[in-house]
Amino acid sequence: MYWILIGSIMLVSWLVSNRLKSKFELYSKLQLQNGMSGKEIAEKMLADHGIYDVKVISVEGQLTDHYNPADKTVNLSEAVYNQRNAAAAAVAAHECGHAVQHATAYSWLEMRSKLVPVVSVASNFVQWILIAGILMIKTFPQLLLIGIVIFAATTLFSVITLPVEYDASNRALAWLENKRMLNREEHDGAKDALKWAARTYVVAAIGSVATLLYYVMIYMNRR
């Protein structure tokens, strides 16, 4: 049953990822009437929220857009940074939504930020501990328990990420609409793109919870 569940989650994840790519390709062709680039959208949103200590910079790669609270930078992929379409506007505003969360001490973001160091270290070796724990389940079950506790931290991170991402999208869409940055068609496209982006986090969280429960079941049934 576990492998059926995981296989189903992997299939859904693949479908959502492909759907997300197709949506962004579609809305990347929807050029903004205001002619603003992703960089300009981001800078205006930050200014409108009174945030002047955050820089908007360009980074290499695709889907590499993120906000870094450590050095206060909104990092936009080259496609988003330079392009002037609905998809770029959505991503740029979303990442600035995280900057607004940071500036207003949004509790869920602060909680997730505290888990980042733990997750960064845990992700490097937790799978090895879990595998070793399963192999030694009869002689040293405590090792699997240690792995479960560490993996639980990464699962918690995935779950906490959900309200953080949804809130950032809501802030982005509210600002885009209130400031009349986009026309109705452009706004609907940005909303649809962010909706599918959020669903990737939902699938990831469900997969992480299912995997955690699987290891817990192995530990509980060790005898």
C-alpha atoms as a PDB file:
ATOM      1  CA  MET A   1       0.000   0.000   0.000  1.00  0.00           C
ATOM      2  CA  TYR A   2       2.876   2.342   0.755  1.00  0.00           C
ATOM      3  CA  TRP A   3       4.436   1.935  -2.665  1.00  0.00           C
ATOM      4  CA  ILE A   4       1.055   2.418  -4.321  1.00  0.00           C
ATOM      5  CA  LEU A   5       0.636   5.627  -2.320  1.00  0.00           C
ATOM      6  CA  ILE A   6       4.141   6.889  -3.099  1.00  0.00           C
ATOM      7  CA  GLY A   7       3.768   5.950  -6.759  1.00  0.00           C
ATOM      8  CA  SER A   8       0.506   7.874  -6.888  1.00  0.00           C
ATOM      9  CA  ILE A   9       2.094  10.917  -5.257  1.00  0.00           C
ATOM     10  CA  MET A  10       5.017  10.785  -7.689  1.00  0.00           C
ATOM     11  CA  LEU A  11       2.600  10.608 -10.612  1.00  0.00           C
ATOM     12  CA  VAL A  12       0.566  13.546  -9.307  1.00  0.00           C
ATOM     13  CA  SER A  13       3.782  15.502  -8.694  1.00  0.00           C
ATOM     14  CA  TRP A  14       4.889  14.889 -12.278  1.00  0.00           C
ATOM     15  CA  LEU A  15       1.499  15.924 -13.632  1.00  0.00           C
ATOM     16  CA  VAL A  16       1.407  19.098 -11.524  1.00  0.00           C
ATOM     17  CA  SER A  17       4.982  19.977 -12.508  1.00  0.00           C
ATOM     18  CA  ASN A  18       4.204  19.559 -16.200  1.00  0.00           C
ATOM     19  CA  ARG A  19       1.015  21.561 -15.824  1.00  0.00           C
ATOM     20  CA  LEU A  20       2.950  24.313 -14.070  1.00  0.00           C
ATOM     21  CA  LYS A  21       5.493  24.477 -16.894  1.00  0.00           C
ATOM     22  CA  SER A  22       2.759  24.667 -19.515  1.00  0.00           C
ATOM     23  CA  LYS A  23       1.000  27.427 -17.574  1.00  0.00           C
ATOM     24  CA  PHE A  24       4.162  29.505 -17.310  1.00  0.00           C
ATOM     25  CA  GLU A  25       4.888  28.995 -20.993  1.00  0.00           C
ATOM     26  CA  LEU A  26       1.354  30.162 -21.788  1.00  0.00           C
ATOM     27  CA  TYR A  27       1.466  33.261 -19.601  1.00  0.00           C
ATOM     28  CA  SER A  28       5.002  34.076 -20.685  1.00  0.00           C
ATOM     29  CA  LYS A  29       3.436  34.913 -24.042  1.00  0.00           C
ATOM     30  CA  LEU A  30       0.969  37.324 -22.425  1.00  0.00           C
ATOM     31  CA  GLN A  31       2.851  40.605 -22.624  1.00  0.00           C
ATOM     32  CA  LEU A  32       2.055  43.323 -20.068  1.00  0.00           C
ATOM     33  CA  GLN A  33       0.351  46.428 -21.334  1.00  0.00           C
ATOM     34  CA  ASN A  34       2.297  48.539 -18.838  1.00  0.00           C
ATOM     35  CA  GLY A  35       5.567  47.268 -20.345  1.00  0.00           C
ATOM     36  CA  MET A  36       7.215  46.690 -16.948  1.00  0.00           C
ATOM     37  CA  SER A  37       9.846  43.988 -16.468  1.00  0.00           C
ATOM     38  CA  GLY A  38       9.944  41.553 -13.569  1.00  0.00           C
ATOM     39  CA  LYS A  39      12.700  43.658 -12.005  1.00  0.00           C
ATOM     40  CA  GLU A  40      10.616  46.815 -12.231  1.00  0.00           C
ATOM     41  CA  ILE A  41       7.530  45.061 -10.846  1.00  0.00           C
ATOM     42  CA  ALA A  42       9.558  43.813  -7.877  1.00  0.00           C
ATOM     43  CA  GLU A  43      11.145  47.167  -7.149  1.00  0.00           C
ATOM     44  CA  LYS A  44       7.793  48.957  -7.238  1.00  0.00           C
ATOM     45  CA  MET A  45       6.137  46.433  -4.919  1.00  0.00           C
ATOM     46  CA  LEU A  46       8.979  46.783  -2.419  1.00  0.00           C
ATOM     47  CA  ALA A  47       8.782  50.592  -2.577  1.00  0.00           C
ATOM     48  CA  ASP A  48       5.001  50.582  -2.171  1.00  0.00           C
ATOM     49  CA  HIS A  49       5.455  48.576   1.041  1.00  0.00           C
ATOM     50  CA  GLY A  50       8.131  50.950   2.332  1.00  0.00           C
ATOM     51  CA  ILE A  51      10.923  48.394   1.907  1.00  0.00           C
ATOM     52  CA  TYR A  52      14.128  50.062   0.707  1.00  0.00           C
ATOM     53  CA  ASP A  53      16.827  47.775   2.142  1.00  0.00           C
ATOM     54  CA  VAL A  54      16.078  44.820  -0.177  1.00  0.00           C
ATOM     55  CA  LYS A  55      17.864  44.483  -3.515  1.00  0.00           C
ATOM     56  CA  VAL A  56      16.418  42.886  -6.639  1.00  0.00           C
ATOM     57  CA  ILE A  57      19.092  40.891  -8.457  1.00  0.00           C
ATOM     58  CA  SER A  58      19.282  38.451 -11.371  1.00  0.00           C
ATOM     59  CA  VAL A  59      20.417  34.840 -10.920  1.00  0.00           C
ATOM     60  CA  GLU A  60      21.161  32.118 -13.448  1.00  0.00           C
ATOM     61  CA  GLY A  61      18.950  29.141 -14.171  1.00  0.00           C
ATOM     62  CA  GLN A  62      15.253  28.403 -14.487  1.00  0.00           C
ATOM     63  CA  LEU A  63      12.817  28.361 -11.570  1.00  0.00           C
ATOM     64  CA  THR A  64      15.630  29.655  -9.350  1.00  0.00           C
ATOM     65  CA  ASP A  65      13.589  32.603  -8.102  1.00  0.00           C
ATOM     66  CA  HIS A  66      13.654  33.080  -4.338  1.00  0.00           C
ATOM     67  CA  TYR A  67      13.892  35.594  -1.531  1.00  0.00           C
ATOM     68  CA  ASN A  68      16.964  35.390   0.688  1.00  0.00           C
ATOM     69  CA  PRO A  69      16.265  36.842   4.157  1.00  0.00           C
ATOM     70  CA  ALA A  70      19.929  36.504   5.147  1.00  0.00           C
ATOM     71  CA  ASP A  71      21.190  39.166   2.733  1.00  0.00           C
ATOM     72  CA  LYS A  72      17.791  40.708   1.940  1.00  0.00           C
ATOM     73  CA  THR A  73      17.760  40.045  -1.788  1.00  0.00           C
ATOM     74  CA  VAL A  74      14.952  39.164  -4.169  1.00  0.00           C
ATOM     75  CA  ASN A  75      16.630  36.772  -6.590  1.00  0.00           C
ATOM     76  CA  LEU A  76      14.911  36.524  -9.961  1.00  0.00           C
ATOM     77  CA  SER A  77      15.854  34.108 -12.730  1.00  0.00           C
ATOM     78  CA  GLU A  78      16.972  35.748 -15.950  1.00  0.00           C
ATOM     79  CA  ALA A  79      13.642  35.009 -17.656  1.00  0.00           C
ATOM     80  CA  VAL A  80      11.689  36.712 -14.875  1.00  0.00           C
ATOM     81  CA  TYR A  81      14.131  39.563 -14.272  1.00  0.00           C
ATOM     82  CA  ASN A  82      14.127  40.825 -17.856  1.00  0.00           C
ATOM     83  CA  GLN A  83      10.780  39.707 -19.248  1.00  0.00           C
ATOM     84  CA  ARG A  84       7.614  41.799 -19.403  1.00  0.00           C
ATOM     85  CA  ASN A  85       4.805  39.280 -19.233  1.00  0.00           C
ATOM     86  CA  ALA A  86       2.162  37.992 -16.821  1.00  0.00           C
ATOM     87  CA  ALA A  87       4.255  35.028 -15.661  1.00  0.00           C
ATOM     88  CA  ALA A  88       7.243  37.245 -14.842  1.00  0.00           C
ATOM     89  CA  ALA A  89       5.009  39.695 -12.982  1.00  0.00           C
ATOM     90  CA  ALA A  90       3.488  36.867 -10.924  1.00  0.00           C
ATOM     91  CA  VAL A  91       6.835  35.405  -9.893  1.00  0.00           C
ATOM     92  CA  ALA A  92       8.434  38.781  -9.163  1.00  0.00           C
ATOM     93  CA  ALA A  93       5.503  39.890  -6.999  1.00  0.00           C
ATOM     94  CA  HIS A  94       5.388  36.511  -5.225  1.00  0.00           C
ATOM     95  CA  GLU A  95       9.051  36.704  -4.216  1.00  0.00           C
ATOM     96  CA  CYS A  96       8.501  40.253  -2.994  1.00  0.00           C
ATOM     97  CA  GLY A  97       5.623  38.835  -0.968  1.00  0.00           C
ATOM     98  CA  HIS A  98       8.265  36.953   1.023  1.00  0.00           C
ATOM     99  CA  ALA A  99      10.197  40.189   1.519  1.00  0.00           C
ATOM    100  CA  VAL A 100       7.029  41.786   2.898  1.00  0.00           C
ATOM    101  CA  GLN A 101       6.562  38.791   5.201  1.00  0.00           C
ATOM    102  CA  HIS A 102      10.106  39.275   6.455  1.00  0.00           C
ATOM    103  CA  ALA A 103       9.624  42.998   6.992  1.00  0.00           C
ATOM    104  CA  THR A 104       6.410  42.433   8.944  1.00  0.00           C
ATOM    105  CA  ALA A 105       7.776  39.505  10.984  1.00  0.00           C
ATOM    106  CA  TYR A 106       5.267  37.020   9.562  1.00  0.00           C
ATOM    107  CA  SER A 107       5.242  34.205  12.133  1.00  0.00           C
ATOM    108  CA  TRP A 108       5.168  31.265   9.712  1.00  0.00           C
ATOM    109  CA  LEU A 109       8.155  32.624   7.780  1.00  0.00           C
ATOM    110  CA  GLU A 110      10.116  33.145  10.985  1.00  0.00           C
ATOM    111  CA  MET A 111       9.332  29.598  12.068  1.00  0.00           C
ATOM    112  CA  ARG A 112      10.462  28.199   8.715  1.00  0.00           C
ATOM    113  CA  SER A 113      13.649  30.278   8.775  1.00  0.00           C
ATOM    114  CA  LYS A 114      14.577  28.769  12.134  1.00  0.00           C
ATOM    115  CA  LEU A 115      14.286  25.289  10.641  1.00  0.00           C
ATOM    116  CA  VAL A 116      16.486  26.034   7.608  1.00  0.00           C
ATOM    117  CA  PRO A 117      19.848  25.224   9.326  1.00  0.00           C
ATOM    118  CA  VAL A 118      18.442  21.979  10.736  1.00  0.00           C
ATOM    119  CA  VAL A 119      16.939  20.887   7.424  1.00  0.00           C
ATOM    120  CA  SER A 120      20.084  21.838   5.496  1.00  0.00           C
ATOM    121  CA  VAL A 121      22.208  19.549   7.653  1.00  0.00           C
ATOM    122  CA  ALA A 122      19.615  16.787   8.023  1.00  0.00           C
ATOM    123  CA  SER A 123      18.950  16.457   4.294  1.00  0.00           C
ATOM    124  CA  ASN A 124      22.575  15.428   3.718  1.00  0.00           C
ATOM    125  CA  PHE A 125      22.486  12.257   5.794  1.00  0.00           C
ATOM    126  CA  VAL A 126      18.947  11.461   6.979  1.00  0.00           C
ATOM    127  CA  GLN A 127      18.318   8.928   4.186  1.00  0.00           C
ATOM    128  CA  TRP A 128      21.475   7.008   5.112  1.00  0.00           C
ATOM    129  CA  ILE A 129      20.408   6.878   8.758  1.00  0.00           C
ATOM    130  CA  LEU A 130      16.949   5.635   7.779  1.00  0.00           C
ATOM    131  CA  ILE A 131      18.360   2.933   5.504  1.00  0.00           C
ATOM    132  CA  ALA A 132      20.830   1.817   8.152  1.00  0.00           C
ATOM    133  CA  GLY A 133      18.031   1.896  10.731  1.00  0.00           C
ATOM    134  CA  ILE A 134      15.854  -0.410   8.618  1.00  0.00           C
ATOM    135  CA  LEU A 135      18.734  -2.827   8.058  1.00  0.00           C
ATOM    136  CA  MET A 136      19.515  -2.874  11.801  1.00  0.00           C
ATOM    137  CA  ILE A 137      15.896  -2.800  12.961  1.00  0.00           C
ATOM    138  CA  LYS A 138      16.230  -6.047  14.933  1.00  0.00           C
ATOM    139  CA  THR A 139      19.492  -5.243  16.675  1.00  0.00           C
ATOM    140  CA  PHE A 140      19.500  -1.451  17.002  1.00  0.00           C
ATOM    141  CA  PRO A 141      15.955  -0.042  16.525  1.00  0.00           C
ATOM    142  CA  GLN A 142      16.986   3.228  18.170  1.00  0.00           C
ATOM    143  CA  LEU A 143      18.894   4.174  15.009  1.00  0.00           C
ATOM    144  CA  LEU A 144      15.695   4.133  12.958  1.00  0.00           C
ATOM    145  CA  LEU A 145      13.977   6.210  15.642  1.00  0.00           C
ATOM    146  CA  ILE A 146      16.743   8.799  15.365  1.00  0.00           C
ATOM    147  CA  GLY A 147      16.242   8.873  11.609  1.00  0.00           C
ATOM    148  CA  ILE A 148      12.492   9.301  12.056  1.00  0.00           C
ATOM    149  CA  VAL A 149      12.971  12.265  14.385  1.00  0.00           C
ATOM    150  CA  ILE A 150      15.347  13.935  11.916  1.00  0.00           C
ATOM    151  CA  PHE A 151      13.049  13.235   8.970  1.00  0.00           C
ATOM    152  CA  ALA A 152      10.145  14.646  10.977  1.00  0.00           C
ATOM    153  CA  ALA A 153      11.974  17.978  11.036  1.00  0.00           C
ATOM    154  CA  THR A 154      12.150  18.025   7.229  1.00  0.00           C
ATOM    155  CA  THR A 155       8.475  17.065   7.053  1.00  0.00           C
ATOM    156  CA  LEU A 156       7.588  19.889   9.425  1.00  0.00           C
ATOM    157  CA  PHE A 157       9.518  22.244   7.148  1.00  0.00           C
ATOM    158  CA  SER A 158       7.466  21.094   4.144  1.00  0.00           C
ATOM    159  CA  VAL A 159       4.200  21.589   6.003  1.00  0.00           C
ATOM    160  CA  ILE A 160       5.142  25.037   7.332  1.00  0.00           C
ATOM    161  CA  THR A 161       6.140  26.041   3.802  1.00  0.00           C
ATOM    162  CA  LEU A 162       2.489  25.802   2.691  1.00  0.00           C
ATOM    163  CA  PRO A 163       1.082  28.823   4.575  1.00  0.00           C
ATOM    164  CA  VAL A 164       4.261  30.772   3.772  1.00  0.00           C
ATOM    165  CA  GLU A 165       3.901  30.232   0.026  1.00  0.00           C
ATOM    166  CA  TYR A 166       0.143  30.756  -0.095  1.00  0.00           C
ATOM    167  CA  ASP A 167       0.402  33.949   1.932  1.00  0.00           C
ATOM    168  CA  ALA A 168       3.155  35.318  -0.331  1.00  0.00           C
ATOM    169  CA  SER A 169       0.970  34.654  -3.381  1.00  0.00           C
ATOM    170  CA  ASN A 170      -2.028  36.301  -1.745  1.00  0.00           C
ATOM    171  CA  ARG A 171       0.023  39.384  -0.902  1.00  0.00           C
ATOM    172  CA  ALA A 172       1.356  39.502  -4.460  1.00  0.00           C
ATOM    173  CA  LEU A 173      -2.051  39.202  -6.093  1.00  0.00           C
ATOM    174  CA  ALA A 174      -3.643  41.725  -3.729  1.00  0.00           C
ATOM    175  CA  TRP A 175      -0.940  44.283  -4.507  1.00  0.00           C
ATOM    176  CA  LEU A 176      -1.109  43.676  -8.264  1.00  0.00           C
ATOM    177  CA  GLU A 177      -4.864  44.235  -8.168  1.00  0.00           C
ATOM    178  CA  ASN A 178      -4.975  47.153  -5.736  1.00  0.00           C
ATOM    179  CA  LYS A 179      -2.296  49.077  -7.636  1.00  0.00           C
ATOM    180  CA  ARG A 180      -3.887  48.147 -10.966  1.00  0.00           C
ATOM    181  CA  MET A 181      -0.578  46.832 -12.248  1.00  0.00           C
ATOM    182  CA  LEU A 182      -2.258  44.352 -14.585  1.00  0.00           C
ATOM    183  CA  ASN A 183      -5.402  44.287 -16.647  1.00  0.00           C
ATOM    184  CA  ARG A 184      -8.008  41.598 -15.985  1.00  0.00           C
ATOM    185  CA  GLU A 185      -6.580  39.052 -18.429  1.00  0.00           C
ATOM    186  CA  GLU A 186      -3.040  39.548 -17.130  1.00  0.00           C
ATOM    187  CA  HIS A 187      -4.176  39.327 -13.508  1.00  0.00           C
ATOM    188  CA  ASP A 188      -6.116  36.120 -14.139  1.00  0.00           C
ATOM    189  CA  GLY A 189      -3.035  34.645 -15.800  1.00  0.00           C
ATOM    190  CA  ALA A 190      -0.794  35.612 -12.875  1.00  0.00           C
ATOM    191  CA  LYS A 191      -3.292  34.136 -10.419  1.00  0.00           C
ATOM    192  CA  ASP A 192      -3.532  30.878 -12.338  1.00  0.00           C
ATOM    193  CA  ALA A 193       0.263  30.557 -12.576  1.00  0.00           C
ATOM    194  CA  LEU A 194       0.725  31.093  -8.837  1.00  0.00           C
ATOM    195  CA  LYS A 195      -2.080  28.624  -8.080  1.00  0.00           C
ATOM    196  CA  TRP A 196      -0.262  25.840  -9.921  1.00  0.00           C
ATOM    197  CA  ALA A 197       3.058  26.811  -8.351  1.00  0.00           C
ATOM    198  CA  ALA A 198       1.498  26.461  -4.890  1.00  0.00           C
ATOM    199  CA  ARG A 199       0.191  23.006  -5.731  1.00  0.00           C
ATOM    200  CA  THR A 200       3.741  21.721  -6.160  1.00  0.00           C
ATOM    201  CA  TYR A 201       4.341  22.525  -2.485  1.00  0.00           C
ATOM    202  CA  VAL A 202       1.122  20.740  -1.493  1.00  0.00           C
ATOM    203  CA  VAL A 203       2.189  17.567  -3.304  1.00  0.00           C
ATOM    204  CA  ALA A 204       5.665  17.749  -1.742  1.00  0.00           C
ATOM    205  CA  ALA A 205       4.203  18.112   1.748  1.00  0.00           C
ATOM    206  CA  ILE A 206       1.814  15.174   1.260  1.00  0.00           C
ATOM    207  CA  GLY A 207       4.677  13.022  -0.014  1.00  0.00           C
ATOM    208  CA  SER A 208       6.843  13.924   2.962  1.00  0.00           C
ATOM    209  CA  VAL A 209       4.074  13.136   5.460  1.00  0.00           C
ATOM    210  CA  ALA A 210       3.343   9.794   3.748  1.00  0.00           C
ATOM    211  CA  THR A 211       7.022   8.829   3.834  1.00  0.00           C
ATOM    212  CA  LEU A 212       7.293   9.771   7.507  1.00  0.00           C
ATOM    213  CA  LEU A 213       4.285   7.612   8.352  1.00  0.00           C
ATOM    214  CA  TYR A 214       5.858   4.722   6.442  1.00  0.00           C
ATOM    215  CA  TYR A 215       9.013   4.825   8.565  1.00  0.00           C
ATOM    216  CA  VAL A 216       6.940   5.155  11.726  1.00  0.00           C
ATOM    217  CA  MET A 217       4.981   2.051  10.743  1.00  0.00           C
ATOM    218  CA  ILE A 218       8.209   0.103  10.205  1.00  0.00           C
ATOM    219  CA  TYR A 219       9.429   1.150  13.649  1.00  0.00           C
ATOM    220  CA  MET A 220       6.110   0.300  15.327  1.00  0.00           C
ATOM    221  CA  ASN A 221       6.001  -3.132  13.670  1.00  0.00           C
ATOM    222  CA  ARG A 222       9.666  -3.983  14.247  1.00  0.00           C
ATOM    223  CA  ARG A 223       8.710  -7.024  16.347  1.00  0.00           C
END
